[in-house]
Amino acid sequence: MTTSCYSMLMLTRRLQVLIDEDRYRRITAVADERGVAVAVIVREAIDRAIPTAPEDRSAAARCILGAAPMPVPDVAELRAELDEARSSGA
């Protein structure tokens, strides 16, 4: 399974999609189970159905690998941070 991390600064387009009740129940069930917003599930489904071009991925990888080192919390702190983010409905 692919996991994506989105910053609100990266999100610049709003999309309204009408779906039937069955699809809505399925998507909200997955979002609730994972503790994420429905929008996260929709973005991940789009990414799986319509992958980005390989050159886009390569450029993104170069950007990430070329980034300056940053401080990273220890495992316990990171888990606490993630638990807090999940419980806030982010």
PDB file of N, CA and C in Angstrom:
ATOM      1  N   MET A   1       0.837  -1.181   0.000  1.00  0.00           N
ATOM      2  CA  MET A   1       0.000   0.000   0.000  1.00  0.00           C
ATOM      3  C   MET A   1       0.881   1.243   0.000  1.00  0.00           C
ATOM      4  N   THR A   2       0.502   2.241  -0.771  1.00  0.00           N
ATOM      5  CA  THR A   2       1.233   3.487  -0.839  1.00  0.00           C
ATOM      6  C   THR A   2       0.643   4.473   0.152  1.00  0.00           C
ATOM      7  N   THR A   3       1.486   5.166   0.873  1.00  0.00           N
ATOM      8  CA  THR A   3       1.031   6.175   1.800  1.00  0.00           C
ATOM      9  C   THR A   3       1.556   7.515   1.330  1.00  0.00           C
ATOM     10  N   SER A   4       0.700   8.506   1.364  1.00  0.00           N
ATOM     11  CA  SER A   4       1.085   9.836   0.916  1.00  0.00           C
ATOM     12  C   SER A   4       0.944  10.822   2.055  1.00  0.00           C
ATOM     13  N   CYS A   5       1.790  11.808   2.039  1.00  0.00           N
ATOM     14  CA  CYS A   5       1.715  12.882   3.017  1.00  0.00           C
ATOM     15  C   CYS A   5       1.467  14.173   2.261  1.00  0.00           C
ATOM     16  N   TYR A   6       0.397  14.859   2.609  1.00  0.00           N
ATOM     17  CA  TYR A   6       0.043  16.085   1.925  1.00  0.00           C
ATOM     18  C   TYR A   6       0.107  17.244   2.893  1.00  0.00           C
ATOM     19  N   SER A   7       0.740  18.318   2.486  1.00  0.00           N
ATOM     20  CA  SER A   7       0.700  19.563   3.229  1.00  0.00           C
ATOM     21  C   SER A   7      -0.444  20.377   2.652  1.00  0.00           C
ATOM     22  N   MET A   8      -1.180  21.073   3.508  1.00  0.00           N
ATOM     23  CA  MET A   8      -2.283  21.896   3.017  1.00  0.00           C
ATOM     24  C   MET A   8      -1.761  22.945   2.020  1.00  0.00           C
ATOM     25  N   LEU A   9      -0.489  23.310   2.124  1.00  0.00           N
ATOM     26  CA  LEU A   9       0.075  24.274   1.184  1.00  0.00           C
ATOM     27  C   LEU A   9       0.183  23.695  -0.218  1.00  0.00           C
ATOM     28  N   MET A  10       0.260  22.375  -0.321  1.00  0.00           N
ATOM     29  CA  MET A  10       0.380  21.722  -1.621  1.00  0.00           C
ATOM     30  C   MET A  10      -0.978  21.616  -2.318  1.00  0.00           C
ATOM     31  N   LEU A  11      -2.046  21.710  -1.549  1.00  0.00           N
ATOM     32  CA  LEU A  11      -3.383  21.488  -2.091  1.00  0.00           C
ATOM     33  C   LEU A  11      -3.970  22.818  -2.552  1.00  0.00           C
ATOM     34  N   THR A  12      -4.148  22.950  -3.857  1.00  0.00           N
ATOM     35  CA  THR A  12      -4.600  24.229  -4.398  1.00  0.00           C
ATOM     36  C   THR A  12      -5.900  24.147  -5.177  1.00  0.00           C
ATOM     37  N   ARG A  13      -6.408  22.953  -5.407  1.00  0.00           N
ATOM     38  CA  ARG A  13      -7.635  22.785  -6.192  1.00  0.00           C
ATOM     39  C   ARG A  13      -8.715  22.120  -5.360  1.00  0.00           C
ATOM     40  N   ARG A  14      -9.915  22.645  -5.466  1.00  0.00           N
ATOM     41  CA  ARG A  14     -11.065  22.048  -4.796  1.00  0.00           C
ATOM     42  C   ARG A  14     -11.861  21.288  -5.844  1.00  0.00           C
ATOM     43  N   LEU A  15     -12.345  20.105  -5.468  1.00  0.00           N
ATOM     44  CA  LEU A  15     -13.096  19.259  -6.389  1.00  0.00           C
ATOM     45  C   LEU A  15     -14.358  18.777  -5.689  1.00  0.00           C
ATOM     46  N   GLN A  16     -15.482  18.941  -6.335  1.00  0.00           N
ATOM     47  CA  GLN A  16     -16.736  18.431  -5.784  1.00  0.00           C
ATOM     48  C   GLN A  16     -17.188  17.256  -6.631  1.00  0.00           C
ATOM     49  N   VAL A  17     -17.430  16.125  -5.979  1.00  0.00           N
ATOM     50  CA  VAL A  17     -17.832  14.919  -6.672  1.00  0.00           C
ATOM     51  C   VAL A  17     -19.069  14.358  -5.985  1.00  0.00           C
ATOM     52  N   LEU A  18     -20.078  14.044  -6.767  1.00  0.00           N
ATOM     53  CA  LEU A  18     -21.267  13.411  -6.214  1.00  0.00           C
ATOM     54  C   LEU A  18     -21.119  11.902  -6.339  1.00  0.00           C
ATOM     55  N   ILE A  19     -21.393  11.192  -5.237  1.00  0.00           N
ATOM     56  CA  ILE A  19     -21.297   9.733  -5.244  1.00  0.00           C
ATOM     57  C   ILE A  19     -22.564   9.154  -4.626  1.00  0.00           C
ATOM     58  N   ASP A  20     -22.806   7.886  -4.892  1.00  0.00           N
ATOM     59  CA  ASP A  20     -23.987   7.235  -4.329  1.00  0.00           C
ATOM     60  C   ASP A  20     -23.728   6.830  -2.879  1.00  0.00           C
ATOM     61  N   GLU A  21     -24.782   6.428  -2.200  1.00  0.00           N
ATOM     62  CA  GLU A  21     -24.712   6.106  -0.770  1.00  0.00           C
ATOM     63  C   GLU A  21     -23.753   4.950  -0.475  1.00  0.00           C
ATOM     64  N   ASP A  22     -23.742   3.923  -1.317  1.00  0.00           N
ATOM     65  CA  ASP A  22     -22.852   2.785  -1.097  1.00  0.00           C
ATOM     66  C   ASP A  22     -21.388   3.220  -1.125  1.00  0.00           C
ATOM     67  N   ARG A  23     -21.016   3.978  -2.121  1.00  0.00           N
ATOM     68  CA  ARG A  23     -19.621   4.453  -2.200  1.00  0.00           C
ATOM     69  C   ARG A  23     -19.292   5.334  -0.994  1.00  0.00           C
ATOM     70  N   TYR A  24     -20.239   6.180  -0.615  1.00  0.00           N
ATOM     71  CA  TYR A  24     -20.009   7.061   0.527  1.00  0.00           C
ATOM     72  C   TYR A  24     -19.779   6.243   1.795  1.00  0.00           C
ATOM     73  N   ARG A  25     -20.576   5.226   2.026  1.00  0.00           N
ATOM     74  CA  ARG A  25     -20.407   4.369   3.208  1.00  0.00           C
ATOM     75  C   ARG A  25     -19.050   3.678   3.175  1.00  0.00           C
ATOM     76  N   ARG A  26     -18.653   3.175   2.003  1.00  0.00           N
ATOM     77  CA  ARG A  26     -17.364   2.481   1.901  1.00  0.00           C
ATOM     78  C   ARG A  26     -16.198   3.419   2.184  1.00  0.00           C
ATOM     79  N   ILE A  27     -16.256   4.595   1.604  1.00  0.00           N
ATOM     80  CA  ILE A  27     -15.117   5.512   1.759  1.00  0.00           C
ATOM     81  C   ILE A  27     -15.043   6.070   3.173  1.00  0.00           C
ATOM     82  N   THR A  28     -16.185   6.354   3.788  1.00  0.00           N
ATOM     83  CA  THR A  28     -16.147   6.865   5.163  1.00  0.00           C
ATOM     84  C   THR A  28     -15.730   5.768   6.134  1.00  0.00           C
ATOM     85  N   ALA A  29     -16.099   4.523   5.845  1.00  0.00           N
ATOM     86  CA  ALA A  29     -15.686   3.411   6.714  1.00  0.00           C
ATOM     87  C   ALA A  29     -14.163   3.278   6.711  1.00  0.00           C
ATOM     88  N   VAL A  30     -13.552   3.372   5.540  1.00  0.00           N
ATOM     89  CA  VAL A  30     -12.088   3.275   5.447  1.00  0.00           C
ATOM     90  C   VAL A  30     -11.438   4.463   6.155  1.00  0.00           C
ATOM     91  N   ALA A  31     -11.976   5.656   5.926  1.00  0.00           N
ATOM     92  CA  ALA A  31     -11.421   6.855   6.569  1.00  0.00           C
ATOM     93  C   ALA A  31     -11.522   6.743   8.092  1.00  0.00           C
ATOM     94  N   ASP A  32     -12.677   6.311   8.590  1.00  0.00           N
ATOM     95  CA  ASP A  32     -12.850   6.155  10.037  1.00  0.00           C
ATOM     96  C   ASP A  32     -11.892   5.106  10.601  1.00  0.00           C
ATOM     97  N   GLU A  33     -11.765   3.998   9.898  1.00  0.00           N
ATOM     98  CA  GLU A  33     -10.886   2.911  10.338  1.00  0.00           C
ATOM     99  C   GLU A  33      -9.442   3.381  10.457  1.00  0.00           C
ATOM    100  N   ARG A  34      -9.018   4.200   9.504  1.00  0.00           N
ATOM    101  CA  ARG A  34      -7.633   4.677   9.490  1.00  0.00           C
ATOM    102  C   ARG A  34      -7.440   5.962  10.273  1.00  0.00           C
ATOM    103  N   GLY A  35      -8.547   6.598  10.677  1.00  0.00           N
ATOM    104  CA  GLY A  35      -8.444   7.842  11.434  1.00  0.00           C
ATOM    105  C   GLY A  35      -7.979   9.023  10.602  1.00  0.00           C
ATOM    106  N   VAL A  36      -8.406   9.055   9.345  1.00  0.00           N
ATOM    107  CA  VAL A  36      -8.029  10.156   8.455  1.00  0.00           C
ATOM    108  C   VAL A  36      -9.280  10.752   7.823  1.00  0.00           C
ATOM    109  N   ALA A  37      -9.116  11.865   7.163  1.00  0.00           N
ATOM    110  CA  ALA A  37     -10.222  12.520   6.473  1.00  0.00           C
ATOM    111  C   ALA A  37     -10.585  11.751   5.200  1.00  0.00           C
ATOM    112  N   VAL A  38     -11.834  11.849   4.806  1.00  0.00           N
ATOM    113  CA  VAL A  38     -12.295  11.226   3.564  1.00  0.00           C
ATOM    114  C   VAL A  38     -11.456  11.720   2.388  1.00  0.00           C
ATOM    115  N   ALA A  39     -11.081  12.983   2.409  1.00  0.00           N
ATOM    116  CA  ALA A  39     -10.285  13.554   1.318  1.00  0.00           C
ATOM    117  C   ALA A  39      -8.967  12.802   1.135  1.00  0.00           C
ATOM    118  N   VAL A  40      -8.366  12.337   2.222  1.00  0.00           N
ATOM    119  CA  VAL A  40      -7.115  11.573   2.128  1.00  0.00           C
ATOM    120  C   VAL A  40      -7.353  10.295   1.336  1.00  0.00           C
ATOM    121  N   ILE A  41      -8.448   9.611   1.634  1.00  0.00           N
ATOM    122  CA  ILE A  41      -8.768   8.366   0.939  1.00  0.00           C
ATOM    123  C   ILE A  41      -9.009   8.636  -0.537  1.00  0.00           C
ATOM    124  N   VAL A  42      -9.701   9.714  -0.855  1.00  0.00           N
ATOM    125  CA  VAL A  42      -9.972  10.063  -2.257  1.00  0.00           C
ATOM    126  C   VAL A  42      -8.668  10.350  -2.993  1.00  0.00           C
ATOM    127  N   ARG A  43      -7.775  11.144  -2.383  1.00  0.00           N
ATOM    128  CA  ARG A  43      -6.493  11.453  -3.035  1.00  0.00           C
ATOM    129  C   ARG A  43      -5.676  10.190  -3.260  1.00  0.00           C
ATOM    130  N   GLU A  44      -5.653   9.294  -2.264  1.00  0.00           N
ATOM    131  CA  GLU A  44      -4.901   8.053  -2.425  1.00  0.00           C
ATOM    132  C   GLU A  44      -5.493   7.177  -3.530  1.00  0.00           C
ATOM    133  N   ALA A  45      -6.815   7.140  -3.628  1.00  0.00           N
ATOM    134  CA  ALA A  45      -7.462   6.354  -4.687  1.00  0.00           C
ATOM    135  C   ALA A  45      -7.105   6.917  -6.059  1.00  0.00           C
ATOM    136  N   ILE A  46      -7.086   8.230  -6.175  1.00  0.00           N
ATOM    137  CA  ILE A  46      -6.701   8.860  -7.449  1.00  0.00           C
ATOM    138  C   ILE A  46      -5.253   8.516  -7.782  1.00  0.00           C
ATOM    139  N   ASP A  47      -4.385   8.609  -6.785  1.00  0.00           N
ATOM    140  CA  ASP A  47      -2.965   8.304  -7.016  1.00  0.00           C
ATOM    141  C   ASP A  47      -2.757   6.856  -7.463  1.00  0.00           C
ATOM    142  N   ARG A  48      -3.538   5.927  -6.903  1.00  0.00           N
ATOM    143  CA  ARG A  48      -3.419   4.528  -7.315  1.00  0.00           C
ATOM    144  C   ARG A  48      -3.988   4.317  -8.720  1.00  0.00           C
ATOM    145  N   ALA A  49      -5.093   4.976  -9.033  1.00  0.00           N
ATOM    146  CA  ALA A  49      -5.753   4.777 -10.329  1.00  0.00           C
ATOM    147  C   ALA A  49      -5.018   5.486 -11.458  1.00  0.00           C
ATOM    148  N   ILE A  50      -4.421   6.636 -11.145  1.00  0.00           N
ATOM    149  CA  ILE A  50      -3.754   7.442 -12.173  1.00  0.00           C
ATOM    150  C   ILE A  50      -2.373   7.830 -11.646  1.00  0.00           C
ATOM    151  N   PRO A  51      -1.397   6.933 -11.774  1.00  0.00           N
ATOM    152  CA  PRO A  51      -0.058   7.211 -11.234  1.00  0.00           C
ATOM    153  C   PRO A  51       0.590   8.412 -11.923  1.00  0.00           C
ATOM    154  N   THR A  52       1.476   9.053 -11.183  1.00  0.00           N
ATOM    155  CA  THR A  52       2.235  10.161 -11.765  1.00  0.00           C
ATOM    156  C   THR A  52       3.267   9.601 -12.732  1.00  0.00           C
ATOM    157  N   ALA A  53       3.731  10.451 -13.603  1.00  0.00           N
ATOM    158  CA  ALA A  53       4.745  10.047 -14.581  1.00  0.00           C
ATOM    159  C   ALA A  53       6.049   9.715 -13.852  1.00  0.00           C
ATOM    160  N   PRO A  54       6.810   8.730 -14.341  1.00  0.00           N
ATOM    161  CA  PRO A  54       8.068   8.349 -13.676  1.00  0.00           C
ATOM    162  C   PRO A  54       9.026   9.525 -13.499  1.00  0.00           C
ATOM    163  N   GLU A  55       9.062  10.431 -14.462  1.00  0.00           N
ATOM    164  CA  GLU A  55       9.983  11.568 -14.322  1.00  0.00           C
ATOM    165  C   GLU A  55       9.565  12.490 -13.179  1.00  0.00           C
ATOM    166  N   ASP A  56       8.241  12.578 -12.913  1.00  0.00           N
ATOM    167  CA  ASP A  56       7.774  13.370 -11.777  1.00  0.00           C
ATOM    168  C   ASP A  56       8.235  12.736 -10.466  1.00  0.00           C
ATOM    169  N   ARG A  57       8.159  11.417 -10.404  1.00  0.00           N
ATOM    170  CA  ARG A  57       8.600  10.716  -9.202  1.00  0.00           C
ATOM    171  C   ARG A  57      10.099  10.886  -9.003  1.00  0.00           C
ATOM    172  N   SER A  58      10.852  10.805 -10.088  1.00  0.00           N
ATOM    173  CA  SER A  58      12.302  10.968  -9.988  1.00  0.00           C
ATOM    174  C   SER A  58      12.658  12.364  -9.505  1.00  0.00           C
ATOM    175  N   ALA A  59      11.969  13.362 -10.015  1.00  0.00           N
ATOM    176  CA  ALA A  59      12.220  14.742  -9.594  1.00  0.00           C
ATOM    177  C   ALA A  59      11.879  14.916  -8.114  1.00  0.00           C
ATOM    178  N   ALA A  60      10.775  14.316  -7.690  1.00  0.00           N
ATOM    179  CA  ALA A  60      10.385  14.408  -6.283  1.00  0.00           C
ATOM    180  C   ALA A  60      11.418  13.718  -5.396  1.00  0.00           C
ATOM    181  N   ALA A  61      11.893  12.563  -5.820  1.00  0.00           N
ATOM    182  CA  ALA A  61      12.904  11.832  -5.045  1.00  0.00           C
ATOM    183  C   ALA A  61      14.192  12.647  -4.935  1.00  0.00           C
ATOM    184  N   ARG A  62      14.617  13.262  -6.043  1.00  0.00           N
ATOM    185  CA  ARG A  62      15.833  14.098  -6.016  1.00  0.00           C
ATOM    186  C   ARG A  62      15.654  15.262  -5.046  1.00  0.00           C
ATOM    187  N   CYS A  63      14.483  15.852  -5.047  1.00  0.00           N
ATOM    188  CA  CYS A  63      14.193  16.980  -4.154  1.00  0.00           C
ATOM    189  C   CYS A  63      14.260  16.531  -2.690  1.00  0.00           C
ATOM    190  N   ILE A  64      13.649  15.403  -2.388  1.00  0.00           N
ATOM    191  CA  ILE A  64      13.650  14.896  -1.015  1.00  0.00           C
ATOM    192  C   ILE A  64      15.063  14.524  -0.581  1.00  0.00           C
ATOM    193  N   LEU A  65      15.777  13.809  -1.432  1.00  0.00           N
ATOM    194  CA  LEU A  65      17.127  13.376  -1.084  1.00  0.00           C
ATOM    195  C   LEU A  65      18.099  14.538  -0.998  1.00  0.00           C
ATOM    196  N   GLY A  66      17.819  15.616  -1.708  1.00  0.00           N
ATOM    197  CA  GLY A  66      18.693  16.774  -1.686  1.00  0.00           C
ATOM    198  C   GLY A  66      18.376  17.767  -0.575  1.00  0.00           C
ATOM    199  N   ALA A  67      17.318  17.503   0.181  1.00  0.00           N
ATOM    200  CA  ALA A  67      16.924  18.421   1.252  1.00  0.00           C
ATOM    201  C   ALA A  67      17.937  18.390   2.389  1.00  0.00           C
ATOM    202  N   ALA A  68      18.035  19.517   3.065  1.00  0.00           N
ATOM    203  CA  ALA A  68      18.941  19.614   4.212  1.00  0.00           C
ATOM    204  C   ALA A  68      18.438  18.717   5.337  1.00  0.00           C
ATOM    205  N   PRO A  69      19.355  18.143   6.118  1.00  0.00           N
ATOM    206  CA  PRO A  69      18.933  17.323   7.262  1.00  0.00           C
ATOM    207  C   PRO A  69      18.089  18.148   8.232  1.00  0.00           C
ATOM    208  N   MET A  70      17.176  17.478   8.894  1.00  0.00           N
ATOM    209  CA  MET A  70      16.343  18.161   9.877  1.00  0.00           C
ATOM    210  C   MET A  70      16.255  17.315  11.136  1.00  0.00           C
ATOM    211  N   PRO A  71      15.982  17.962  12.254  1.00  0.00           N
ATOM    212  CA  PRO A  71      15.877  17.189  13.491  1.00  0.00           C
ATOM    213  C   PRO A  71      14.651  16.279  13.446  1.00  0.00           C
ATOM    214  N   VAL A  72      14.817  15.084  13.950  1.00  0.00           N
ATOM    215  CA  VAL A  72      13.735  14.107  13.980  1.00  0.00           C
ATOM    216  C   VAL A  72      13.565  13.644  15.421  1.00  0.00           C
ATOM    217  N   PRO A  73      12.318  13.626  15.921  1.00  0.00           N
ATOM    218  CA  PRO A  73      12.125  13.182  17.305  1.00  0.00           C
ATOM    219  C   PRO A  73      12.417  11.696  17.458  1.00  0.00           C
ATOM    220  N   ASP A  74      12.634  11.278  18.708  1.00  0.00           N
ATOM    221  CA  ASP A  74      12.826   9.844  18.929  1.00  0.00           C
ATOM    222  C   ASP A  74      11.492   9.127  18.688  1.00  0.00           C
ATOM    223  N   VAL A  75      11.521   7.816  18.669  1.00  0.00           N
ATOM    224  CA  VAL A  75      10.358   7.022  18.295  1.00  0.00           C
ATOM    225  C   VAL A  75       9.158   7.317  19.196  1.00  0.00           C
ATOM    226  N   ALA A  76       9.367   7.394  20.495  1.00  0.00           N
ATOM    227  CA  ALA A  76       8.264   7.641  21.431  1.00  0.00           C
ATOM    228  C   ALA A  76       7.614   8.997  21.163  1.00  0.00           C
ATOM    229  N   GLU A  77       8.436  10.026  20.947  1.00  0.00           N
ATOM    230  CA  GLU A  77       7.903  11.357  20.642  1.00  0.00           C
ATOM    231  C   GLU A  77       7.133  11.358  19.323  1.00  0.00           C
ATOM    232  N   LEU A  78       7.696  10.676  18.336  1.00  0.00           N
ATOM    233  CA  LEU A  78       7.058  10.622  17.024  1.00  0.00           C
ATOM    234  C   LEU A  78       5.703   9.913  17.114  1.00  0.00           C
ATOM    235  N   ARG A  79       5.641   8.807  17.836  1.00  0.00           N
ATOM    236  CA  ARG A  79       4.365   8.095  18.016  1.00  0.00           C
ATOM    237  C   ARG A  79       3.338   8.989  18.700  1.00  0.00           C
ATOM    238  N   ALA A  80       3.761   9.698  19.732  1.00  0.00           N
ATOM    239  CA  ALA A  80       2.855  10.603  20.454  1.00  0.00           C
ATOM    240  C   ALA A  80       2.344  11.694  19.524  1.00  0.00           C
ATOM    241  N   GLU A  81       3.238  12.229  18.701  1.00  0.00           N
ATOM    242  CA  GLU A  81       2.868  13.264  17.730  1.00  0.00           C
ATOM    243  C   GLU A  81       1.838  12.734  16.730  1.00  0.00           C
ATOM    244  N   LEU A  82       2.082  11.526  16.211  1.00  0.00           N
ATOM    245  CA  LEU A  82       1.167  10.917  15.262  1.00  0.00           C
ATOM    246  C   LEU A  82      -0.181  10.610  15.909  1.00  0.00           C
ATOM    247  N   ASP A  83      -0.169  10.099  17.134  1.00  0.00           N
ATOM    248  CA  ASP A  83      -1.426   9.823  17.839  1.00  0.00           C
ATOM    249  C   ASP A  83      -2.229  11.103  18.045  1.00  0.00           C
ATOM    250  N   GLU A  84      -1.543  12.170  18.388  1.00  0.00           N
ATOM    251  CA  GLU A  84      -2.224  13.464  18.581  1.00  0.00           C
ATOM    252  C   GLU A  84      -2.828  13.955  17.272  1.00  0.00           C
ATOM    253  N   ALA A  85      -2.074  13.836  16.186  1.00  0.00           N
ATOM    254  CA  ALA A  85      -2.570  14.269  14.871  1.00  0.00           C
ATOM    255  C   ALA A  85      -3.789  13.446  14.451  1.00  0.00           C
ATOM    256  N   ARG A  86      -3.736  12.163  14.693  1.00  0.00           N
ATOM    257  CA  ARG A  86      -4.868  11.294  14.320  1.00  0.00           C
ATOM    258  C   ARG A  86      -6.103  11.602  15.147  1.00  0.00           C
ATOM    259  N   SER A  87      -5.929  11.893  16.426  1.00  0.00           N
ATOM    260  CA  SER A  87      -7.082  12.129  17.294  1.00  0.00           C
ATOM    261  C   SER A  87      -7.707  13.494  17.053  1.00  0.00           C
ATOM    262  N   SER A  88      -6.980  14.404  16.429  1.00  0.00           N
ATOM    263  CA  SER A  88      -7.528  15.741  16.167  1.00  0.00           C
ATOM    264  C   SER A  88      -8.335  15.771  14.878  1.00  0.00           C
ATOM    265  N   GLY A  89      -8.421  14.647  14.162  1.00  0.00           N
ATOM    266  CA  GLY A  89      -9.197  14.582  12.927  1.00  0.00           C
ATOM    267  C   GLY A  89      -8.518  15.234  11.753  1.00  0.00           C
ATOM    268  N   ALA A  90      -7.198  15.385  11.839  1.00  0.00           N
ATOM    269  CA  ALA A  90      -6.451  16.021  10.751  1.00  0.00           C
ATOM    270  C   ALA A  90      -6.427  15.153   9.522  1.00  0.00           C
TER     271      ALA A  90
END
